[in-house]
């Protein structure tokens, strides 16, 4: 295990620049090293988000045969009724390894499935779905599954979650399948009982060489030509280039799709030289992309009326809206401009 006292801030504060123009460490300037177990911190973040046009938070939800991880903040939100700010859950159904330390191979807790576990999970979810703050589409609570194709029988799991929620709450949840690991064909997910698709961003798999560590000659030439970085190891991409590649595999319309816009990506705080750096993610480019996605959503006749932004506070992945030591409130200002709130 990683030891007592380890938090995401442990990695964030140790991060160092790998090349000229590489911005590390990425630090919060607004709330310092805040602790989401603190109810006042959660309240402050909800107030800040609402001020800039954000209408709710999506919490990552970890469930391992009844055992939950990183559960205290959401448990407290659910049980206390505070903050009075909308929320929904995304089931991050992945096996846990020491990924936050850059060690992929050592398994800490394995994601396993069974019909009996689906029942226990569905009963837990039904309680969360009852909350008046829970985000809904057509009066149905929205629940997203991050890796739908990992489920042994996703139709059976969907049926269990929907039927138990219907029995407990009188309404079926609106189940959404993330396409983060299921590009480009996701039509079968709707046929299996999902109600919508989450067009996840960033889709790192469309970037050349992202999942291959070590020296690569083409990487060296790309880094020298585009970024004047003499390295065939560093995985460096421009934000605008990354957006263009992701847009190439984007669905033609957002019918039955929840689109997503990502702020940035730099997980070298976790993975060091093997990390992925998407640089030049300037607020004006983020704002333009958010506006493009908003307009496309509005032109899609069967849209679900929702856009996700990834993410609020993924500090160790360099993917956050929250106030930082470089762009300050600029990303939040962009959301306020685009939403007009």
C-alpha atoms as a PDB file:
ATOM      1  CA  UNK A   1       0.000   0.000   0.000  1.00  0.00           C
ATOM      2  CA  UNK A   2       1.070   3.624  -0.238  1.00  0.00           C
ATOM      3  CA  UNK A   3       1.189   4.399   3.457  1.00  0.00           C
ATOM      4  CA  UNK A   4      -0.583   6.592   5.971  1.00  0.00           C
ATOM      5  CA  UNK A   5      -0.985  10.225   5.014  1.00  0.00           C
ATOM      6  CA  UNK A   6      -0.751   9.713   1.252  1.00  0.00           C
ATOM      7  CA  UNK A   7      -3.101  11.936  -0.772  1.00  0.00           C
ATOM      8  CA  UNK A   8      -3.240  13.239  -4.337  1.00  0.00           C
ATOM      9  CA  UNK A   9      -1.407  16.335  -3.105  1.00  0.00           C
ATOM     10  CA  UNK A  10       1.602  14.112  -2.337  1.00  0.00           C
ATOM     11  CA  UNK A  11       2.140  13.546  -6.053  1.00  0.00           C
ATOM     12  CA  UNK A  12       1.068  17.017  -7.120  1.00  0.00           C
ATOM     13  CA  UNK A  13       3.596  18.836  -4.941  1.00  0.00           C
ATOM     14  CA  UNK A  14       6.480  16.567  -5.990  1.00  0.00           C
ATOM     15  CA  UNK A  15       5.949  17.107  -9.730  1.00  0.00           C
ATOM     16  CA  UNK A  16       8.792  18.824 -11.604  1.00  0.00           C
ATOM     17  CA  UNK A  17       9.102  20.213 -15.157  1.00  0.00           C
ATOM     18  CA  UNK A  18      10.460  17.683 -17.667  1.00  0.00           C
ATOM     19  CA  UNK A  19      11.328  20.180 -20.402  1.00  0.00           C
ATOM     20  CA  UNK A  20      11.422  23.896 -21.101  1.00  0.00           C
ATOM     21  CA  UNK A  21       7.896  25.317 -21.057  1.00  0.00           C
ATOM     22  CA  UNK A  22       6.489  22.394 -19.072  1.00  0.00           C
ATOM     23  CA  UNK A  23       4.359  23.868 -16.285  1.00  0.00           C
ATOM     24  CA  UNK A  24       4.780  21.842 -13.097  1.00  0.00           C
ATOM     25  CA  UNK A  25       3.858  21.696 -10.294  1.00  0.00           C
ATOM     26  CA  UNK A  26       0.206  22.611 -10.837  1.00  0.00           C
ATOM     27  CA  UNK A  27      -1.045  23.996  -7.554  1.00  0.00           C
ATOM     28  CA  UNK A  28      -4.282  25.364  -6.180  1.00  0.00           C
ATOM     29  CA  UNK A  29      -4.045  29.026  -5.239  1.00  0.00           C
ATOM     30  CA  UNK A  30      -7.587  29.379  -3.946  1.00  0.00           C
ATOM     31  CA  UNK A  31      -8.036  26.755  -1.267  1.00  0.00           C
ATOM     32  CA  UNK A  32      -4.459  25.545  -0.914  1.00  0.00           C
ATOM     33  CA  UNK A  33      -4.242  21.798  -0.201  1.00  0.00           C
ATOM     34  CA  UNK A  34      -7.920  21.414   0.521  1.00  0.00           C
ATOM     35  CA  UNK A  35      -9.482  18.311   2.038  1.00  0.00           C
ATOM     36  CA  UNK A  36     -12.807  17.165   0.601  1.00  0.00           C
ATOM     37  CA  UNK A  37     -13.617  15.375   3.847  1.00  0.00           C
ATOM     38  CA  UNK A  38     -14.170  18.842   5.293  1.00  0.00           C
ATOM     39  CA  UNK A  39     -17.815  19.965   4.892  1.00  0.00           C
ATOM     40  CA  UNK A  40     -16.832  23.636   4.721  1.00  0.00           C
ATOM     41  CA  UNK A  41     -14.498  22.876   1.810  1.00  0.00           C
ATOM     42  CA  UNK A  42     -17.243  21.043  -0.053  1.00  0.00           C
ATOM     43  CA  UNK A  43     -19.613  23.960   0.546  1.00  0.00           C
ATOM     44  CA  UNK A  44     -17.057  26.512  -0.689  1.00  0.00           C
ATOM     45  CA  UNK A  45     -16.448  24.514  -3.855  1.00  0.00           C
ATOM     46  CA  UNK A  46     -20.160  24.207  -4.586  1.00  0.00           C
ATOM     47  CA  UNK A  47     -20.640  27.962  -4.120  1.00  0.00           C
ATOM     48  CA  UNK A  48     -17.691  28.692  -6.419  1.00  0.00           C
ATOM     49  CA  UNK A  49     -18.964  26.295  -9.100  1.00  0.00           C
ATOM     50  CA  UNK A  50     -22.486  27.761  -9.022  1.00  0.00           C
ATOM     51  CA  UNK A  51     -21.134  31.308  -9.348  1.00  0.00           C
ATOM     52  CA  UNK A  52     -19.568  30.366 -12.692  1.00  0.00           C
ATOM     53  CA  UNK A  53     -22.505  28.567 -14.279  1.00  0.00           C
ATOM     54  CA  UNK A  54     -21.757  24.982 -13.279  1.00  0.00           C
ATOM     55  CA  UNK A  55     -24.999  23.225 -12.422  1.00  0.00           C
ATOM     56  CA  UNK A  56     -23.767  20.137 -10.583  1.00  0.00           C
ATOM     57  CA  UNK A  57     -20.928  17.775  -9.724  1.00  0.00           C
ATOM     58  CA  UNK A  58     -20.427  14.213 -10.977  1.00  0.00           C
ATOM     59  CA  UNK A  59     -18.745  12.110  -8.288  1.00  0.00           C
ATOM     60  CA  UNK A  60     -16.615   9.105  -9.177  1.00  0.00           C
ATOM     61  CA  UNK A  61     -18.151   6.073  -7.496  1.00  0.00           C
ATOM     62  CA  UNK A  62     -16.056   3.020  -6.574  1.00  0.00           C
ATOM     63  CA  UNK A  63     -17.802  -0.260  -5.749  1.00  0.00           C
ATOM     64  CA  UNK A  64     -15.972  -3.551  -5.196  1.00  0.00           C
ATOM     65  CA  UNK A  65     -18.364  -6.323  -4.128  1.00  0.00           C
ATOM     66  CA  UNK A  66     -19.919  -4.032  -1.550  1.00  0.00           C
ATOM     67  CA  UNK A  67     -16.688  -2.329  -0.551  1.00  0.00           C
ATOM     68  CA  UNK A  68     -16.385   1.345  -1.489  1.00  0.00           C
ATOM     69  CA  UNK A  69     -13.247   3.444  -1.763  1.00  0.00           C
ATOM     70  CA  UNK A  70     -12.812   7.207  -1.348  1.00  0.00           C
ATOM     71  CA  UNK A  71     -16.388   7.143  -0.155  1.00  0.00           C
ATOM     72  CA  UNK A  72     -16.344   9.580   2.763  1.00  0.00           C
ATOM     73  CA  UNK A  73     -16.941  12.880   0.900  1.00  0.00           C
ATOM     74  CA  UNK A  74     -19.944  11.565  -1.014  1.00  0.00           C
ATOM     75  CA  UNK A  75     -21.308   9.668   1.987  1.00  0.00           C
ATOM     76  CA  UNK A  76     -21.237  12.905   3.953  1.00  0.00           C
ATOM     77  CA  UNK A  77     -22.892  14.835   1.118  1.00  0.00           C
ATOM     78  CA  UNK A  78     -25.652  12.243   0.894  1.00  0.00           C
ATOM     79  CA  UNK A  79     -26.253  11.831   4.624  1.00  0.00           C
ATOM     80  CA  UNK A  80     -25.960  15.488   5.656  1.00  0.00           C
ATOM     81  CA  UNK A  81     -27.928  17.057   2.800  1.00  0.00           C
ATOM     82  CA  UNK A  82     -25.123  19.570   2.338  1.00  0.00           C
ATOM     83  CA  UNK A  83     -24.089  21.284   0.202  1.00  0.00           C
ATOM     84  CA  UNK A  84     -27.429  21.931  -1.460  1.00  0.00           C
ATOM     85  CA  UNK A  85     -25.932  21.442  -4.924  1.00  0.00           C
ATOM     86  CA  UNK A  86     -26.946  18.939  -7.629  1.00  0.00           C
ATOM     87  CA  UNK A  87     -24.909  15.768  -8.125  1.00  0.00           C
ATOM     88  CA  UNK A  88     -24.807  12.433  -9.920  1.00  0.00           C
ATOM     89  CA  UNK A  89     -22.580   9.358  -9.864  1.00  0.00           C
ATOM     90  CA  UNK A  90     -20.192   7.809 -12.371  1.00  0.00           C
ATOM     91  CA  UNK A  91     -19.305   4.204 -11.594  1.00  0.00           C
ATOM     92  CA  UNK A  92     -15.553   3.932 -12.221  1.00  0.00           C
ATOM     93  CA  UNK A  93     -15.698   0.146 -12.617  1.00  0.00           C
ATOM     94  CA  UNK A  94     -11.988  -0.558 -12.942  1.00  0.00           C
ATOM     95  CA  UNK A  95      -9.535  -2.740 -11.077  1.00  0.00           C
ATOM     96  CA  UNK A  96      -7.421  -0.562  -8.785  1.00  0.00           C
ATOM     97  CA  UNK A  97      -3.665  -0.638  -9.091  1.00  0.00           C
ATOM     98  CA  UNK A  98      -1.023   1.832  -7.911  1.00  0.00           C
ATOM     99  CA  UNK A  99      -1.789   4.042 -10.883  1.00  0.00           C
ATOM    100  CA  UNK A 100      -1.476   7.238  -8.880  1.00  0.00           C
ATOM    101  CA  UNK A 101       2.185   6.278  -8.274  1.00  0.00           C
ATOM    102  CA  UNK A 102       2.757   5.365 -11.911  1.00  0.00           C
ATOM    103  CA  UNK A 103       2.776   1.653 -11.117  1.00  0.00           C
ATOM    104  CA  UNK A 104       0.193  -0.117 -13.274  1.00  0.00           C
ATOM    105  CA  UNK A 105       0.948  -3.760 -12.479  1.00  0.00           C
ATOM    106  CA  UNK A 106       0.421  -4.111  -8.724  1.00  0.00           C
ATOM    107  CA  UNK A 107      -3.277  -4.770  -8.103  1.00  0.00           C
ATOM    108  CA  UNK A 108      -4.711  -3.358  -4.889  1.00  0.00           C
ATOM    109  CA  UNK A 109      -8.325  -4.408  -5.348  1.00  0.00           C
ATOM    110  CA  UNK A 110      -9.845  -6.258  -8.292  1.00  0.00           C
ATOM    111  CA  UNK A 111     -13.121  -5.270  -9.913  1.00  0.00           C
ATOM    112  CA  UNK A 112     -15.319  -8.374  -9.932  1.00  0.00           C
ATOM    113  CA  UNK A 113     -18.936  -8.925 -10.903  1.00  0.00           C
ATOM    114  CA  UNK A 114     -21.794 -11.246 -10.020  1.00  0.00           C
ATOM    115  CA  UNK A 115     -25.620 -11.192 -10.182  1.00  0.00           C
ATOM    116  CA  UNK A 116     -25.724 -11.139  -6.360  1.00  0.00           C
ATOM    117  CA  UNK A 117     -23.387  -8.160  -6.248  1.00  0.00           C
ATOM    118  CA  UNK A 118     -25.510  -6.334  -8.827  1.00  0.00           C
ATOM    119  CA  UNK A 119     -28.442  -6.582  -6.403  1.00  0.00           C
ATOM    120  CA  UNK A 120     -26.460  -5.195  -3.468  1.00  0.00           C
ATOM    121  CA  UNK A 121     -25.078  -2.418  -5.642  1.00  0.00           C
ATOM    122  CA  UNK A 122     -28.517  -1.537  -7.014  1.00  0.00           C
ATOM    123  CA  UNK A 123     -29.949  -1.288  -3.492  1.00  0.00           C
ATOM    124  CA  UNK A 124     -27.197   1.143  -2.490  1.00  0.00           C
ATOM    125  CA  UNK A 125     -27.737   3.223  -5.634  1.00  0.00           C
ATOM    126  CA  UNK A 126     -31.486   3.410  -5.086  1.00  0.00           C
ATOM    127  CA  UNK A 127     -30.865   5.342  -1.868  1.00  0.00           C
ATOM    128  CA  UNK A 128     -28.672   7.880  -3.676  1.00  0.00           C
ATOM    129  CA  UNK A 129     -31.191   8.211  -6.523  1.00  0.00           C
ATOM    130  CA  UNK A 130     -33.910   9.247  -4.030  1.00  0.00           C
ATOM    131  CA  UNK A 131     -32.050  12.397  -3.037  1.00  0.00           C
ATOM    132  CA  UNK A 132     -33.810  15.567  -4.223  1.00  0.00           C
ATOM    133  CA  UNK A 133     -30.456  16.972  -5.395  1.00  0.00           C
ATOM    134  CA  UNK A 134     -29.746  14.062  -7.714  1.00  0.00           C
ATOM    135  CA  UNK A 135     -29.370  15.184 -11.370  1.00  0.00           C
ATOM    136  CA  UNK A 136     -32.125  13.902 -13.642  1.00  0.00           C
ATOM    137  CA  UNK A 137     -32.987  13.600 -17.308  1.00  0.00           C
ATOM    138  CA  UNK A 138     -36.747  13.425 -17.927  1.00  0.00           C
ATOM    139  CA  UNK A 139     -37.250  13.029 -14.165  1.00  0.00           C
ATOM    140  CA  UNK A 140     -34.970   9.966 -14.138  1.00  0.00           C
ATOM    141  CA  UNK A 141     -31.718   9.971 -12.077  1.00  0.00           C
ATOM    142  CA  UNK A 142     -28.618   9.852 -14.283  1.00  0.00           C
ATOM    143  CA  UNK A 143     -26.115   7.065 -13.592  1.00  0.00           C
ATOM    144  CA  UNK A 144     -23.046   6.592 -15.807  1.00  0.00           C
ATOM    145  CA  UNK A 145     -20.930   3.445 -16.146  1.00  0.00           C
ATOM    146  CA  UNK A 146     -17.356   4.235 -17.146  1.00  0.00           C
ATOM    147  CA  UNK A 147     -16.450   0.843 -18.644  1.00  0.00           C
ATOM    148  CA  UNK A 148     -19.730  -0.693 -19.804  1.00  0.00           C
ATOM    149  CA  UNK A 149     -18.006  -3.341 -21.910  1.00  0.00           C
ATOM    150  CA  UNK A 150     -16.269  -4.701 -18.800  1.00  0.00           C
ATOM    151  CA  UNK A 151     -19.586  -5.954 -17.464  1.00  0.00           C
ATOM    152  CA  UNK A 152     -19.984  -9.694 -18.120  1.00  0.00           C
ATOM    153  CA  UNK A 153     -23.631  -9.150 -19.062  1.00  0.00           C
ATOM    154  CA  UNK A 154     -24.423  -5.463 -19.252  1.00  0.00           C
ATOM    155  CA  UNK A 155     -28.074  -6.101 -20.124  1.00  0.00           C
ATOM    156  CA  UNK A 156     -28.554  -8.106 -16.928  1.00  0.00           C
ATOM    157  CA  UNK A 157     -26.775  -5.485 -14.795  1.00  0.00           C
ATOM    158  CA  UNK A 158     -28.865  -2.708 -16.345  1.00  0.00           C
ATOM    159  CA  UNK A 159     -32.082  -4.638 -15.727  1.00  0.00           C
ATOM    160  CA  UNK A 160     -31.150  -5.178 -12.067  1.00  0.00           C
ATOM    161  CA  UNK A 161     -30.285  -1.535 -11.417  1.00  0.00           C
ATOM    162  CA  UNK A 162     -33.426  -0.289 -13.159  1.00  0.00           C
ATOM    163  CA  UNK A 163     -35.854  -2.800 -11.649  1.00  0.00           C
ATOM    164  CA  UNK A 164     -34.670  -2.298  -8.059  1.00  0.00           C
ATOM    165  CA  UNK A 165     -34.734   1.484  -8.406  1.00  0.00           C
ATOM    166  CA  UNK A 166     -38.235   1.270  -9.877  1.00  0.00           C
ATOM    167  CA  UNK A 167     -39.380  -0.869  -6.968  1.00  0.00           C
ATOM    168  CA  UNK A 168     -37.733   1.353  -4.337  1.00  0.00           C
ATOM    169  CA  UNK A 169     -38.350   4.790  -5.848  1.00  0.00           C
ATOM    170  CA  UNK A 170     -41.087   4.386  -8.450  1.00  0.00           C
ATOM    171  CA  UNK A 171     -38.842   5.517 -11.325  1.00  0.00           C
ATOM    172  CA  UNK A 172     -36.139   3.887 -13.432  1.00  0.00           C
ATOM    173  CA  UNK A 173     -32.730   5.575 -13.543  1.00  0.00           C
ATOM    174  CA  UNK A 174     -31.397   6.973 -16.807  1.00  0.00           C
ATOM    175  CA  UNK A 175     -28.374   4.763 -17.477  1.00  0.00           C
ATOM    176  CA  UNK A 176     -25.520   6.203 -19.514  1.00  0.00           C
ATOM    177  CA  UNK A 177     -22.616   4.274 -21.055  1.00  0.00           C
ATOM    178  CA  UNK A 178     -19.272   6.023 -21.365  1.00  0.00           C
ATOM    179  CA  UNK A 179     -17.523   5.446 -24.683  1.00  0.00           C
ATOM    180  CA  UNK A 180     -14.083   6.204 -23.223  1.00  0.00           C
ATOM    181  CA  UNK A 181     -12.944   2.645 -23.947  1.00  0.00           C
ATOM    182  CA  UNK A 182     -15.527   1.675 -26.571  1.00  0.00           C
ATOM    183  CA  UNK A 183     -14.832   3.903 -29.562  1.00  0.00           C
ATOM    184  CA  UNK A 184     -16.098   4.299 -32.172  1.00  0.00           C
ATOM    185  CA  UNK A 185     -19.088   1.904 -32.285  1.00  0.00           C
ATOM    186  CA  UNK A 186     -21.389   2.301 -29.295  1.00  0.00           C
ATOM    187  CA  UNK A 187     -24.761   1.582 -30.948  1.00  0.00           C
ATOM    188  CA  UNK A 188     -24.902  -1.853 -29.325  1.00  0.00           C
ATOM    189  CA  UNK A 189     -24.834  -0.232 -25.880  1.00  0.00           C
ATOM    190  CA  UNK A 190     -28.160   1.489 -26.567  1.00  0.00           C
ATOM    191  CA  UNK A 191     -29.551  -1.797 -27.835  1.00  0.00           C
ATOM    192  CA  UNK A 192     -28.509  -3.492 -24.584  1.00  0.00           C
ATOM    193  CA  UNK A 193     -30.597  -1.150 -22.459  1.00  0.00           C
ATOM    194  CA  UNK A 194     -28.536   1.979 -21.914  1.00  0.00           C
ATOM    195  CA  UNK A 195     -30.515   5.188 -22.380  1.00  0.00           C
ATOM    196  CA  UNK A 196     -27.668   7.409 -23.551  1.00  0.00           C
ATOM    197  CA  UNK A 197     -23.961   7.604 -24.354  1.00  0.00           C
ATOM    198  CA  UNK A 198     -21.371   9.755 -22.602  1.00  0.00           C
ATOM    199  CA  UNK A 199     -18.898  10.998 -25.238  1.00  0.00           C
ATOM    200  CA  UNK A 200     -15.936  10.945 -22.873  1.00  0.00           C
ATOM    201  CA  UNK A 201     -12.999  13.347 -23.211  1.00  0.00           C
ATOM    202  CA  UNK A 202     -10.029  13.220 -23.321  1.00  0.00           C
ATOM    203  CA  UNK A 203      -9.969  10.171 -25.588  1.00  0.00           C
ATOM    204  CA  UNK A 204      -6.260   9.578 -25.183  1.00  0.00           C
ATOM    205  CA  UNK A 205      -6.337   6.518 -27.425  1.00  0.00           C
ATOM    206  CA  UNK A 206      -6.660   8.665 -30.570  1.00  0.00           C
ATOM    207  CA  UNK A 207      -3.307  10.324 -29.866  1.00  0.00           C
ATOM    208  CA  UNK A 208      -0.393   8.457 -31.492  1.00  0.00           C
ATOM    209  CA  UNK A 209       1.796   6.469 -29.107  1.00  0.00           C
ATOM    210  CA  UNK A 210       0.061   7.489 -25.882  1.00  0.00           C
ATOM    211  CA  UNK A 211       0.091   4.030 -24.324  1.00  0.00           C
ATOM    212  CA  UNK A 212       3.638   3.052 -25.343  1.00  0.00           C
ATOM    213  CA  UNK A 213       6.386   4.018 -22.903  1.00  0.00           C
ATOM    214  CA  UNK A 214      10.058   4.405 -23.745  1.00  0.00           C
ATOM    215  CA  UNK A 215      12.040   5.740 -26.683  1.00  0.00           C
ATOM    216  CA  UNK A 216      10.405   6.115 -30.079  1.00  0.00           C
ATOM    217  CA  UNK A 217      12.140   7.656 -33.090  1.00  0.00           C
ATOM    218  CA  UNK A 218       8.947   9.222 -34.452  1.00  0.00           C
ATOM    219  CA  UNK A 219       8.275  10.700 -31.045  1.00  0.00           C
ATOM    220  CA  UNK A 220      11.756  12.218 -31.024  1.00  0.00           C
ATOM    221  CA  UNK A 221      11.220  13.839 -34.429  1.00  0.00           C
ATOM    222  CA  UNK A 222       7.780  15.138 -33.410  1.00  0.00           C
ATOM    223  CA  UNK A 223       9.061  16.583 -30.134  1.00  0.00           C
ATOM    224  CA  UNK A 224      12.008  18.273 -31.845  1.00  0.00           C
ATOM    225  CA  UNK A 225       9.956  19.669 -34.743  1.00  0.00           C
ATOM    226  CA  UNK A 226       6.922  20.884 -32.825  1.00  0.00           C
ATOM    227  CA  UNK A 227       8.163  21.607 -29.313  1.00  0.00           C
ATOM    228  CA  UNK A 228      11.988  21.874 -29.566  1.00  0.00           C
ATOM    229  CA  UNK A 229      12.281  19.112 -26.960  1.00  0.00           C
ATOM    230  CA  UNK A 230      15.168  16.694 -27.515  1.00  0.00           C
ATOM    231  CA  UNK A 231      13.507  13.521 -26.259  1.00  0.00           C
ATOM    232  CA  UNK A 232      12.067  10.390 -27.814  1.00  0.00           C
ATOM    233  CA  UNK A 233      10.497   9.394 -24.498  1.00  0.00           C
ATOM    234  CA  UNK A 234       8.236  12.272 -23.543  1.00  0.00           C
ATOM    235  CA  UNK A 235       4.673  11.976 -24.846  1.00  0.00           C
ATOM    236  CA  UNK A 236       3.848  15.573 -25.749  1.00  0.00           C
ATOM    237  CA  UNK A 237       0.784  16.759 -27.677  1.00  0.00           C
ATOM    238  CA  UNK A 238      -0.753  20.136 -28.362  1.00  0.00           C
ATOM    239  CA  UNK A 239      -4.232  20.799 -26.977  1.00  0.00           C
ATOM    240  CA  UNK A 240      -5.535  22.051 -30.334  1.00  0.00           C
ATOM    241  CA  UNK A 241      -4.110  19.040 -32.175  1.00  0.00           C
ATOM    242  CA  UNK A 242      -5.609  16.700 -29.571  1.00  0.00           C
ATOM    243  CA  UNK A 243      -9.026  18.346 -29.944  1.00  0.00           C
ATOM    244  CA  UNK A 244      -8.901  17.953 -33.722  1.00  0.00           C
ATOM    245  CA  UNK A 245      -8.052  14.242 -33.488  1.00  0.00           C
ATOM    246  CA  UNK A 246     -10.832  13.642 -30.968  1.00  0.00           C
ATOM    247  CA  UNK A 247     -13.333  15.563 -33.087  1.00  0.00           C
ATOM    248  CA  UNK A 248     -12.523  13.309 -36.058  1.00  0.00           C
ATOM    249  CA  UNK A 249     -14.032  10.338 -34.186  1.00  0.00           C
ATOM    250  CA  UNK A 250     -16.887  12.327 -32.656  1.00  0.00           C
ATOM    251  CA  UNK A 251     -20.461  11.264 -33.547  1.00  0.00           C
ATOM    252  CA  UNK A 252     -22.087  13.301 -36.313  1.00  0.00           C
ATOM    253  CA  UNK A 253     -24.780  14.519 -33.928  1.00  0.00           C
ATOM    254  CA  UNK A 254     -25.312  14.515 -30.171  1.00  0.00           C
ATOM    255  CA  UNK A 255     -28.621  12.665 -30.344  1.00  0.00           C
ATOM    256  CA  UNK A 256     -28.895  10.581 -27.149  1.00  0.00           C
ATOM    257  CA  UNK A 257     -25.344  11.668 -26.329  1.00  0.00           C
ATOM    258  CA  UNK A 258     -23.936  13.680 -23.432  1.00  0.00           C
ATOM    259  CA  UNK A 259     -20.887  15.471 -24.862  1.00  0.00           C
ATOM    260  CA  UNK A 260     -17.813  16.298 -22.821  1.00  0.00           C
ATOM    261  CA  UNK A 261     -15.143  18.995 -22.972  1.00  0.00           C
ATOM    262  CA  UNK A 262     -11.869  18.456 -21.145  1.00  0.00           C
ATOM    263  CA  UNK A 263      -9.742  21.161 -19.571  1.00  0.00           C
ATOM    264  CA  UNK A 264      -6.282  19.659 -20.060  1.00  0.00           C
ATOM    265  CA  UNK A 265      -4.091  16.664 -19.347  1.00  0.00           C
ATOM    266  CA  UNK A 266      -0.702  16.180 -17.719  1.00  0.00           C
ATOM    267  CA  UNK A 267      -0.330  13.101 -15.543  1.00  0.00           C
ATOM    268  CA  UNK A 268       3.434  13.410 -15.076  1.00  0.00           C
ATOM    269  CA  UNK A 269       2.722  14.128 -11.402  1.00  0.00           C
ATOM    270  CA  UNK A 270       1.757  10.444 -11.234  1.00  0.00           C
ATOM    271  CA  UNK A 271       3.797   8.822 -13.979  1.00  0.00           C
ATOM    272  CA  UNK A 272       6.864  11.023 -14.317  1.00  0.00           C
ATOM    273  CA  UNK A 273       8.627  10.729 -17.681  1.00  0.00           C
ATOM    274  CA  UNK A 274       6.066   8.105 -18.786  1.00  0.00           C
ATOM    275  CA  UNK A 275       3.205  10.543 -18.366  1.00  0.00           C
ATOM    276  CA  UNK A 276       1.141  12.165 -21.124  1.00  0.00           C
ATOM    277  CA  UNK A 277       1.404  15.931 -21.529  1.00  0.00           C
ATOM    278  CA  UNK A 278      -1.206  17.891 -23.486  1.00  0.00           C
ATOM    279  CA  UNK A 279       0.284  21.363 -23.520  1.00  0.00           C
ATOM    280  CA  UNK A 280      -0.892  24.797 -24.655  1.00  0.00           C
ATOM    281  CA  UNK A 281      -4.356  24.168 -23.193  1.00  0.00           C
ATOM    282  CA  UNK A 282      -5.149  27.848 -23.040  1.00  0.00           C
ATOM    283  CA  UNK A 283      -8.517  29.070 -21.667  1.00  0.00           C
ATOM    284  CA  UNK A 284      -9.457  30.672 -25.003  1.00  0.00           C
ATOM    285  CA  UNK A 285      -9.145  27.291 -26.780  1.00  0.00           C
ATOM    286  CA  UNK A 286     -11.183  25.617 -24.060  1.00  0.00           C
ATOM    287  CA  UNK A 287     -13.846  28.321 -24.385  1.00  0.00           C
ATOM    288  CA  UNK A 288     -14.012  27.931 -28.161  1.00  0.00           C
ATOM    289  CA  UNK A 289     -14.387  24.160 -27.853  1.00  0.00           C
ATOM    290  CA  UNK A 290     -17.089  24.499 -25.198  1.00  0.00           C
ATOM    291  CA  UNK A 291     -18.991  26.908 -27.462  1.00  0.00           C
ATOM    292  CA  UNK A 292     -18.639  24.552 -30.449  1.00  0.00           C
ATOM    293  CA  UNK A 293     -19.986  21.629 -28.427  1.00  0.00           C
ATOM    294  CA  UNK A 294     -22.840  23.718 -27.018  1.00  0.00           C
ATOM    295  CA  UNK A 295     -23.960  24.801 -30.501  1.00  0.00           C
ATOM    296  CA  UNK A 296     -23.753  21.254 -31.842  1.00  0.00           C
ATOM    297  CA  UNK A 297     -25.798  20.015 -28.891  1.00  0.00           C
ATOM    298  CA  UNK A 298     -28.475  22.616 -29.540  1.00  0.00           C
ATOM    299  CA  UNK A 299     -28.646  21.530 -33.201  1.00  0.00           C
ATOM    300  CA  UNK A 300     -29.148  17.871 -32.264  1.00  0.00           C
ATOM    301  CA  UNK A 301     -32.889  17.213 -32.158  1.00  0.00           C
ATOM    302  CA  UNK A 302     -32.743  14.301 -29.712  1.00  0.00           C
ATOM    303  CA  UNK A 303     -30.113  15.757 -27.383  1.00  0.00           C
ATOM    304  CA  UNK A 304     -30.112  15.135 -23.644  1.00  0.00           C
ATOM    305  CA  UNK A 305     -29.589  18.782 -22.674  1.00  0.00           C
ATOM    306  CA  UNK A 306     -26.378  18.247 -20.764  1.00  0.00           C
ATOM    307  CA  UNK A 307     -22.620  18.837 -21.183  1.00  0.00           C
ATOM    308  CA  UNK A 308     -19.964  17.373 -18.922  1.00  0.00           C
ATOM    309  CA  UNK A 309     -16.680  19.171 -18.268  1.00  0.00           C
ATOM    310  CA  UNK A 310     -13.775  16.969 -17.283  1.00  0.00           C
ATOM    311  CA  UNK A 311     -12.774  17.826 -14.626  1.00  0.00           C
ATOM    312  CA  UNK A 312     -13.306  19.967 -11.555  1.00  0.00           C
ATOM    313  CA  UNK A 313     -10.293  18.843  -9.498  1.00  0.00           C
ATOM    314  CA  UNK A 314      -8.196  16.110 -11.148  1.00  0.00           C
ATOM    315  CA  UNK A 315      -5.016  17.830 -10.017  1.00  0.00           C
ATOM    316  CA  UNK A 316      -2.616  14.895 -10.461  1.00  0.00           C
ATOM    317  CA  UNK A 317      -3.799  14.548 -14.065  1.00  0.00           C
ATOM    318  CA  UNK A 318      -3.495  18.268 -14.818  1.00  0.00           C
ATOM    319  CA  UNK A 319      -7.190  18.327 -15.656  1.00  0.00           C
ATOM    320  CA  UNK A 320      -9.106  20.787 -13.494  1.00  0.00           C
ATOM    321  CA  UNK A 321     -11.357  23.850 -13.624  1.00  0.00           C
ATOM    322  CA  UNK A 322     -10.576  24.966 -10.109  1.00  0.00           C
ATOM    323  CA  UNK A 323      -8.540  28.120  -9.431  1.00  0.00           C
ATOM    324  CA  UNK A 324      -4.780  27.509  -9.911  1.00  0.00           C
ATOM    325  CA  UNK A 325      -1.429  29.295  -9.836  1.00  0.00           C
ATOM    326  CA  UNK A 326      -1.230  29.816 -13.607  1.00  0.00           C
ATOM    327  CA  UNK A 327      -4.620  30.642 -15.153  1.00  0.00           C
ATOM    328  CA  UNK A 328      -6.425  31.639 -11.956  1.00  0.00           C
ATOM    329  CA  UNK A 329     -10.191  31.934 -12.716  1.00  0.00           C
ATOM    330  CA  UNK A 330      -9.831  31.927 -16.522  1.00  0.00           C
ATOM    331  CA  UNK A 331     -11.422  28.514 -17.180  1.00  0.00           C
ATOM    332  CA  UNK A 332     -14.325  29.288 -14.877  1.00  0.00           C
ATOM    333  CA  UNK A 333     -14.753  32.635 -16.618  1.00  0.00           C
ATOM    334  CA  UNK A 334     -14.999  30.734 -19.911  1.00  0.00           C
ATOM    335  CA  UNK A 335     -17.853  28.609 -18.618  1.00  0.00           C
ATOM    336  CA  UNK A 336     -19.667  31.689 -17.355  1.00  0.00           C
ATOM    337  CA  UNK A 337     -19.345  33.362 -20.780  1.00  0.00           C
ATOM    338  CA  UNK A 338     -20.554  30.342 -22.726  1.00  0.00           C
ATOM    339  CA  UNK A 339     -23.462  29.551 -20.417  1.00  0.00           C
ATOM    340  CA  UNK A 340     -24.425  33.207 -19.960  1.00  0.00           C
ATOM    341  CA  UNK A 341     -24.941  32.653 -16.236  1.00  0.00           C
END
